[in-house]
C-alpha cells in the first residue's frame, strides 16, 4: 500500500524561490499523479536509462529493438536517435556539462560517448574487470560513477570513471549494486542494492573518493532500480515489482510513495520546461510514464546555471 500524499503548503512553495513555475499554479491532484507518456511496447522490456538533454529532449535505451537509443519529444513522440555497435546494449544514460551523452554498455563493459551535434559515437571507457556497467551517475566535475552488479551471485561493485576515461574501483563485494546517484552538492554518493533492498550513502570527496559508508534506508519488501535527486537533495527511487517511486529525504526518511500504472519501473529522470516533470521507464509495459513533482531535478537545475 502506498503512503498518503502530503498536502503542499504555501510556505513550502514560497521557500522554493528558484522554481520557475510555482506548484500553486497547478491543481494539487496534478502533482505526483502518474500517466502514460509513450505507447506500450514502443520500447523493449530493456527500456532503461532515461535522461534529458539541454534542449529538453528525453532519451531512453532500446526503442523498437535492443541496442538502440530512443529519442522522445516533449509530447511523447519517440524515434531512434542512434544505433549502438553490434553486440552493445545500453542501460544508464547521463549528460555532461558540455552536453555529451554517456551510455553504460553492459555486454561489452564499456561507457560509450555520443557527441550530440554530430551523433559521433566512441568508446569512452572500457573495463574488462567489470561484471556489467549498469546505472551511471555524474558529479559536478563530470566524473561518472557506475554500479556494477553480478546478478547471478547477487553481488556488485561501484566504479568511478574520470574525465580521461580511466576507471577506478571504489568498492567491491557489495550486494547487487544497481541505482546510483550523486547529491546536488556532489558531497554524497548514493548506491542501492536491489536484492538486499538497501540504500547506502557515502561521503564523496573533491577527488572522487568515498568514505563513511552508512545505511540510508532498508526496505522490507520488493526491489529497487534507478534513482535520481531533486534540487533539494530528495532521492527518488523506483520500486521494481511494487509499481511505485519512493521519495526520500536526504536523511533517509520516506516522505511518500508515488503509485505508477506499471509494476516494474526501471529508472527515472527529470525534465520539462521547469524541471518538475518526472519520466519513468517501465519494463512490463515497454514504455514511459510521467508525473509532476514539486521541486526540479538537480541536473535540470545545474543546466540552468
Protein backbone atom coordinates (compact mmCIF):
# COMPACT_ATOMS: atom_id res chain seq x y z
CA UNK A 1 0.00 0.00 0.00
CA UNK A 2 1.34 3.44 -0.88
CA UNK A 3 1.61 6.11 1.77
CA UNK A 4 -0.84 9.06 1.75
CA UNK A 5 0.40 12.07 -0.17
CA UNK A 6 1.26 15.11 1.98
CA UNK A 7 -0.54 18.37 1.28
CA UNK A 8 1.71 21.06 -0.15
CA UNK A 9 1.73 24.22 1.95
CA UNK A 10 2.03 27.74 0.66
CA UNK A 11 5.13 28.19 2.84
CA UNK A 12 6.89 25.26 1.19
CA UNK A 13 6.18 26.64 -2.24
CA UNK A 14 7.34 30.15 -1.40
CA UNK A 15 10.56 28.83 0.17
CA UNK A 16 11.47 27.19 -3.13
CA UNK A 17 12.02 30.53 -4.82
CA UNK A 18 14.21 29.03 -7.53
CA UNK A 19 11.30 27.08 -9.00
CA UNK A 20 10.36 28.74 -12.28
CA UNK A 21 6.70 27.71 -12.22
CA UNK A 22 5.03 27.60 -8.83
CA UNK A 23 3.20 24.40 -7.98
CA UNK A 24 0.34 26.59 -6.73
CA UNK A 25 -0.46 27.26 -10.39
CA UNK A 26 -1.48 23.61 -10.72
CA UNK A 27 -4.28 21.65 -9.03
CA UNK A 28 -2.87 19.59 -6.16
CA UNK A 29 -4.18 16.42 -7.77
CA UNK A 30 -1.84 17.01 -10.73
CA UNK A 31 1.23 16.55 -8.55
CA UNK A 32 2.58 13.00 -8.13
CA UNK A 33 -0.18 11.52 -10.32
CA UNK A 34 1.31 9.26 -12.98
CA UNK A 35 0.01 8.97 -16.53
CA UNK A 36 1.11 7.14 -19.67
CA UNK A 37 3.63 9.14 -21.68
CA UNK A 38 4.58 6.84 -24.59
CA UNK A 39 2.60 3.92 -26.08
CA UNK A 40 3.03 0.47 -24.59
CA UNK A 41 5.67 -1.78 -26.18
CA UNK A 42 7.26 1.02 -28.19
CA UNK A 43 10.42 0.17 -26.25
CA UNK A 44 11.59 -3.35 -25.47
CA UNK A 45 11.46 -4.81 -21.95
CA UNK A 46 15.04 -3.50 -21.69
CA UNK A 47 13.81 0.11 -21.55
CA UNK A 48 16.09 1.99 -19.15
CA UNK A 49 18.34 4.96 -18.60
CA UNK A 50 16.04 7.97 -19.12
CA UNK A 51 17.94 11.25 -19.39
CA UNK A 52 17.07 14.74 -20.64
CA UNK A 53 19.44 16.93 -22.69
CA UNK A 54 19.91 20.71 -22.58
CA UNK A 55 17.21 21.19 -25.21
CA UNK A 56 14.67 19.28 -23.14
CA UNK A 57 14.65 16.16 -25.31
CA UNK A 58 14.27 12.85 -23.49
CA UNK A 59 16.30 9.72 -24.28
CA UNK A 60 15.99 6.08 -23.19
CA UNK A 61 17.61 2.86 -24.33
CA UNK A 62 16.17 0.10 -26.51
CA UNK A 63 13.49 1.80 -28.58
CA UNK A 64 11.96 -0.65 -31.05
CA UNK A 65 14.75 -3.18 -30.55
CA UNK A 66 17.72 -3.86 -28.32
CA UNK A 67 20.88 -1.85 -28.99
CA UNK A 68 19.26 1.48 -29.83
CA UNK A 69 18.88 4.84 -28.10
CA UNK A 70 15.40 6.28 -28.44
CA UNK A 71 14.62 9.99 -28.53
CA UNK A 72 11.28 11.22 -27.16
CA UNK A 73 9.85 14.67 -27.81
CA UNK A 74 8.09 16.64 -25.03
CA UNK A 75 4.74 15.45 -26.41
CA UNK A 76 5.73 11.77 -26.29
CA UNK A 77 6.71 11.06 -29.92
CA UNK A 78 9.54 8.52 -29.97
CA UNK A 79 12.06 7.58 -32.67
CA UNK A 80 15.52 6.02 -32.97
CA UNK A 81 18.28 8.52 -32.19
CA UNK A 82 21.31 6.26 -32.68
CA UNK A 83 22.02 2.55 -33.07
CA UNK A 84 24.84 1.18 -30.95
CA UNK A 85 27.64 -1.01 -32.36
CA UNK A 86 26.87 -4.69 -32.92
CA UNK A 87 26.64 -6.52 -29.60
CA UNK A 88 26.36 -3.36 -27.48
CA UNK A 89 23.25 -2.76 -25.36
CA UNK A 90 22.74 0.38 -23.33
CA UNK A 91 21.47 0.78 -19.79
CA UNK A 92 22.08 4.03 -17.88
CA UNK A 93 22.43 7.39 -19.70
CA UNK A 94 23.82 10.69 -18.39
CA UNK A 95 24.81 14.03 -19.95
CA UNK A 96 27.98 16.04 -19.23
CA UNK A 97 28.13 19.81 -18.83
CA UNK A 98 29.22 20.03 -22.47
CA UNK A 99 26.12 18.14 -23.48
CA UNK A 100 27.82 14.87 -24.46
CA UNK A 101 25.83 11.70 -23.84
CA UNK A 102 27.37 8.83 -21.87
CA UNK A 103 25.87 5.34 -22.02
CA UNK A 104 26.60 2.26 -19.92
CA UNK A 105 27.10 -0.58 -22.44
CA UNK A 106 26.82 -3.64 -20.21
CA UNK A 107 27.61 -6.59 -22.56
CA UNK A 108 30.90 -5.04 -23.67
CA UNK A 109 31.96 -3.49 -20.33
CA UNK A 110 32.03 -0.03 -21.92
CA UNK A 111 31.00 3.50 -21.23
CA UNK A 112 30.08 4.89 -24.64
CA UNK A 113 30.15 8.57 -25.59
CA UNK A 114 27.91 10.30 -28.15
CA UNK A 115 28.73 13.84 -29.30
CA UNK A 116 25.21 15.18 -29.65
CA UNK A 117 25.74 17.63 -32.50
CA UNK A 118 27.26 15.05 -34.84
CA UNK A 119 25.99 11.78 -33.25
CA UNK A 120 29.62 10.61 -33.33
CA UNK A 121 29.84 7.51 -31.14
CA UNK A 122 33.02 6.25 -29.45
CA UNK A 123 34.16 4.07 -26.57
CA UNK A 124 34.92 6.48 -23.73
CA UNK A 125 35.98 3.81 -21.23
CA UNK A 126 36.43 0.03 -21.32
CA UNK A 127 36.97 -2.00 -18.16
CA UNK A 128 37.11 -5.80 -18.60
CA UNK A 129 37.09 -6.27 -14.81
CA UNK A 130 33.51 -5.02 -14.62
CA UNK A 131 30.67 -7.50 -14.34
CA UNK A 132 28.50 -5.14 -16.38
CA UNK A 133 28.23 -1.36 -16.02
CA UNK A 134 24.59 -0.74 -15.22
CA UNK A 135 23.38 2.63 -13.94
CA UNK A 136 25.62 5.69 -14.02
CA UNK A 137 25.69 8.99 -12.11
CA UNK A 138 27.67 12.16 -12.76
CA UNK A 139 29.14 14.76 -10.39
CA UNK A 140 29.79 18.49 -10.75
CA UNK A 141 33.23 17.79 -12.26
CA UNK A 142 31.78 15.47 -14.95
CA UNK A 143 33.17 12.33 -13.32
CA UNK A 144 30.97 9.29 -13.78
CA UNK A 145 30.07 6.68 -11.16
CA UNK A 146 28.85 3.25 -12.28
CA UNK A 147 27.06 0.46 -10.47
CA UNK A 148 28.35 -2.97 -11.48
CA UNK A 149 26.06 -5.84 -10.46
CA UNK A 150 26.62 -9.57 -10.74
CA UNK A 151 23.01 -10.69 -10.91
CA UNK A 152 23.79 -14.41 -10.73
CA UNK A 153 25.76 -14.10 -7.49
CA UNK A 154 23.74 -11.18 -6.01
CA UNK A 155 26.95 -9.19 -5.58
CA UNK A 156 28.31 -5.99 -7.09
CA UNK A 157 30.87 -3.19 -7.19
CA UNK A 158 30.97 0.56 -7.72
CA UNK A 159 33.39 2.36 -10.04
CA UNK A 160 34.46 5.92 -10.77
CA UNK A 161 35.23 6.86 -14.37
CA UNK A 162 37.32 10.03 -14.63
CA UNK A 163 37.10 12.57 -17.44
CA UNK A 164 40.04 10.89 -19.21
CA UNK A 165 38.15 7.57 -19.30
CA UNK A 166 40.19 5.90 -16.53
CA UNK A 167 38.11 3.55 -14.35
CA UNK A 168 38.83 3.18 -10.62
CA UNK A 169 37.22 0.56 -8.38
CA UNK A 170 35.70 2.33 -5.37
CA UNK A 171 34.25 -0.67 -3.55
CA UNK A 172 33.99 -4.40 -4.33
CA UNK A 173 31.99 -7.32 -2.93
CA UNK A 174 28.84 -5.37 -2.18
CA UNK A 175 25.28 -6.58 -2.65
CA UNK A 176 23.56 -6.32 -6.06
CA UNK A 177 24.51 -2.72 -6.86
CA UNK A 178 22.02 -1.01 -9.14
CA UNK A 179 20.72 2.55 -8.77
CA UNK A 180 23.40 5.19 -8.22
CA UNK A 181 23.24 8.97 -7.75
CA UNK A 182 25.30 11.96 -6.59
CA UNK A 183 23.77 14.61 -4.31
CA UNK A 184 23.28 18.18 -5.63
CA UNK A 185 26.39 19.42 -3.78
CA UNK A 186 28.47 16.45 -5.05
CA UNK A 187 29.35 15.56 -1.45
CA UNK A 188 27.33 12.34 -1.16
CA UNK A 189 27.18 9.23 -3.33
CA UNK A 190 24.09 7.05 -3.07
CA UNK A 191 24.08 3.40 -4.18
CA UNK A 192 21.32 0.84 -3.79
CA UNK A 193 21.44 -2.95 -3.69
CA UNK A 194 18.42 -4.48 -5.43
CA UNK A 195 18.39 -7.99 -3.97
CA UNK A 196 19.27 -6.80 -0.47
CA UNK A 197 16.81 -3.84 -0.64
CA UNK A 198 19.34 -1.49 0.97
CA UNK A 199 20.36 2.07 0.04
CA UNK A 200 23.83 3.21 1.09
CA UNK A 201 25.25 6.71 1.40
CA UNK A 202 28.96 7.60 1.21
CA UNK A 203 30.81 10.82 1.79
CA UNK A 204 32.24 11.85 -1.59
CA UNK A 205 35.48 13.86 -1.57
CA UNK A 206 36.55 16.53 -4.07
CA UNK A 207 38.90 13.91 -5.54
CA UNK A 208 36.05 11.45 -6.06
CA UNK A 209 36.93 9.11 -3.19
CA UNK A 210 34.27 7.52 -0.97
CA UNK A 211 34.27 7.11 2.81
CA UNK A 212 31.95 6.92 5.83
CA UNK A 213 29.61 4.31 4.35
CA UNK A 214 26.25 4.27 6.12
CA UNK A 215 22.84 2.69 5.62
CA UNK A 216 20.33 5.28 4.42
CA UNK A 217 17.27 3.01 4.37
CA UNK A 218 16.37 -0.67 4.10
CA UNK A 219 13.04 -1.65 2.56
CA UNK A 220 11.19 -4.72 3.91
CA UNK A 221 9.98 -5.91 0.52
CA UNK A 222 10.25 -5.50 -3.27
CA UNK A 223 13.31 -4.49 -5.25
CA UNK A 224 14.83 -1.22 -6.39
CA UNK A 225 16.36 0.06 -9.58
CA UNK A 226 17.34 3.56 -10.74
CA UNK A 227 17.23 6.70 -8.62
CA UNK A 228 17.67 10.47 -9.03
CA UNK A 229 17.87 13.51 -6.76
CA UNK A 230 15.82 16.66 -6.96
CA UNK A 231 17.39 20.08 -6.36
CA UNK A 232 16.70 19.87 -2.61
CA UNK A 233 18.54 16.57 -2.35
CA UNK A 234 15.45 14.40 -2.02
CA UNK A 235 16.07 10.97 -3.53
CA UNK A 236 13.52 9.37 -5.85
CA UNK A 237 13.90 5.57 -6.06
CA UNK A 238 11.89 3.34 -8.39
CA UNK A 239 10.49 0.26 -6.62
CA UNK A 240 10.69 -2.62 -9.09
CA UNK A 241 7.77 -5.05 -8.66
CA UNK A 242 5.86 -2.69 -6.38
CA UNK A 243 4.97 -0.20 -9.09
CA UNK A 244 5.87 2.89 -7.09
CA UNK A 245 8.52 5.60 -6.79
CA UNK A 246 9.72 6.22 -3.24
CA UNK A 247 10.67 9.78 -2.34
CA UNK A 248 13.25 10.00 0.47
CA UNK A 249 14.65 13.00 2.31
CA UNK A 250 18.47 13.42 2.32
CA UNK A 251 18.38 11.89 5.81
CA UNK A 252 16.65 8.76 4.52
CA UNK A 253 13.11 9.48 5.75
CA UNK A 254 10.42 8.05 3.48
CA UNK A 255 8.36 11.10 2.54
CA UNK A 256 5.87 9.43 0.19
CA UNK A 257 5.41 6.77 -2.48
CA UNK A 258 4.01 7.66 -5.88
CA UNK A 259 1.83 4.98 -7.44
CA UNK A 260 2.55 4.10 -11.07
CA UNK A 261 0.41 2.36 -13.68
CA UNK A 262 3.06 -0.28 -14.46
CA UNK A 263 4.53 -2.60 -11.84
CA UNK A 264 8.16 -2.84 -12.94
CA UNK A 265 9.78 0.60 -13.13
CA UNK A 266 13.46 0.58 -14.04
CA UNK A 267 14.61 4.19 -13.81
CA UNK A 268 13.66 7.85 -13.50
CA UNK A 269 14.78 11.26 -14.81
CA UNK A 270 13.58 14.85 -14.50
CA UNK A 271 12.95 17.39 -17.26
CA UNK A 272 10.23 19.54 -18.79
CA UNK A 273 10.21 23.31 -19.11
CA UNK A 274 10.66 23.84 -15.38
CA UNK A 275 12.50 20.63 -14.43
CA UNK A 276 9.49 19.36 -12.48
CA UNK A 277 8.38 16.60 -14.83
CA UNK A 278 9.47 13.09 -13.85
CA UNK A 279 9.87 10.41 -16.54
CA UNK A 280 9.83 6.74 -15.54
CA UNK A 281 10.75 3.73 -17.70
CA UNK A 282 8.59 0.60 -17.27
CA UNK A 283 9.88 -2.88 -18.10
CA UNK A 284 6.49 -4.60 -18.00
CA UNK A 285 4.83 -2.00 -20.24
CA UNK A 286 7.75 -1.24 -22.58
CA UNK A 287 7.02 2.47 -22.27
CA UNK A 288 7.42 5.58 -20.14
CA UNK A 289 5.11 7.20 -17.63
CA UNK A 290 5.29 10.73 -16.31
CA UNK A 291 4.16 12.74 -13.31
CA UNK A 292 4.68 16.25 -11.98
CA UNK A 293 6.76 16.97 -8.86
CA UNK A 294 7.12 19.96 -6.54
CA UNK A 295 10.88 20.55 -6.92
CA UNK A 296 13.03 20.50 -10.09
CA UNK A 297 15.52 17.70 -10.69
CA UNK A 298 19.08 18.54 -9.69
CA UNK A 299 20.55 18.01 -13.20
CA UNK A 300 17.96 20.36 -14.70
CA UNK A 301 18.93 22.99 -12.13
CA UNK A 302 22.63 22.53 -12.89
CA UNK A 303 21.97 23.18 -16.58
CA UNK A 304 20.26 26.47 -15.73
CA UNK A 305 23.45 27.63 -14.02
